[in-house]
Structure formats: structure tokens, C-alpha cells
Amino acid sequence: MHNAPADDYIVIFILAAPGTLWMTRFLATLLLDIFHLRRIPGEVRFRDKICLNMYLDSSRLILPRNEQDLYSAHEVAQLKPLLNRKHTYELFLKSNLWAKQYMPHAFFASKKVKADKNGWGSAVVFVETMAKWLQLRHMQKRLTNEIIGDKLLRFHPVDARERVMGEYQSRIKKFFSRQVPS
């Protein structure tokens, strides 16, 4: 969005194929670790590192109801797809049309697209189950405020929503409290 400091990291939001959330996380993390590109929690030098902080199963693209607010609408609107297989990005936008009430000019009409169904065999289901078990076991002692599920993974130890929305409310209040000259 052209507003990050030069020494900052890159945030990647991943929409995984249906039923592959934990395999996707495992492979993405492994790949970034091999090339020393993943931002590690607690790291102080992270220029150009990649933070894999949110994964969503593409069979459930809508954000949770309790997070459908201005903050999340802005997050949805600023996403830029790096890879868009089977029109997943358009499906994500279509699934989150609630965001239009907060940012009506941020979304564009898209062509009609249909969601892909999970057609994986039992081998993939087994690998997905093992990937989930291994990762949960590994992260068990480090968990703080993360959201862990079969359709949504969010690794934000500190949720920025409260801080950002507090600053926004403060600026709005300051803006409207200024005296308009006569």
C-alpha cells in the first residue's frame, strides 16, 4: 500500500484450497524457512522478511461476523493478489460484500464465479490431519491470542484492531472538534 517503512516486513494472507489449510501452512512455512525469508516472532531485524499471519480455507471465505467492521473492511480492500487460481480473490471479495458498507468505493464488480468443492481423497485428508497435529504440537507452548481452527488460522499475538480503531476515533474526534472560522 506504499505506506510501510523501508525496513519493514511483508505480510502474506493465504487462501488455501478447501481442506488443505494445515498442509498449506506447513509447506509455506517450510519453504520460507529454507530460504531464510520467514519473519520469526521476536525477531528485531526483519527487513523484507515475510510474515505468514493469516490463512483461510477457501471453502469458508467470509470473515467471522464479530470482525466485520471498518478495520477488517480496510484489510479486505487493501489485499493485492499475488496468485489467483480459480478466481479465489474474486470469490473472497464476493463473500465479504459486507465490507461495502464501510468502504463503498473500494470494491469493483467482478464476473460471476463459483466456489471449488473439496474433492480430496483420503490420503490428502490423512496428510492434512497429520500436518495439523504436528503443527499444533510444535506451537502448543507459544500460543497467545492466535485463532486456531480448521478453516481459519490467524497468527497475530497482538491484535492491531483496537489500537488502529482507537487512533481512528481520536482523529475523527479531533477533526470534528475544530472550530470552523466564521
Foldseek 3Di string as FASTA:
>chain_A
DPPDDQQDEAEDAEAAEALCQLVVVVVVVVVLVVVVQADDPPDDRRRHHYHDFKYFHLVQLEDDPVPLDLVVLVVLLPDDDPDQPQNSNVSNCVNHVSSCVNVVVSDDDDDDGDGDDDPDDPVSNVVSVVSVVVVCVVCVVPDAPWDDDSGMTGHDNPDCVVVVVVVVVVVVCVVVPDDDDD
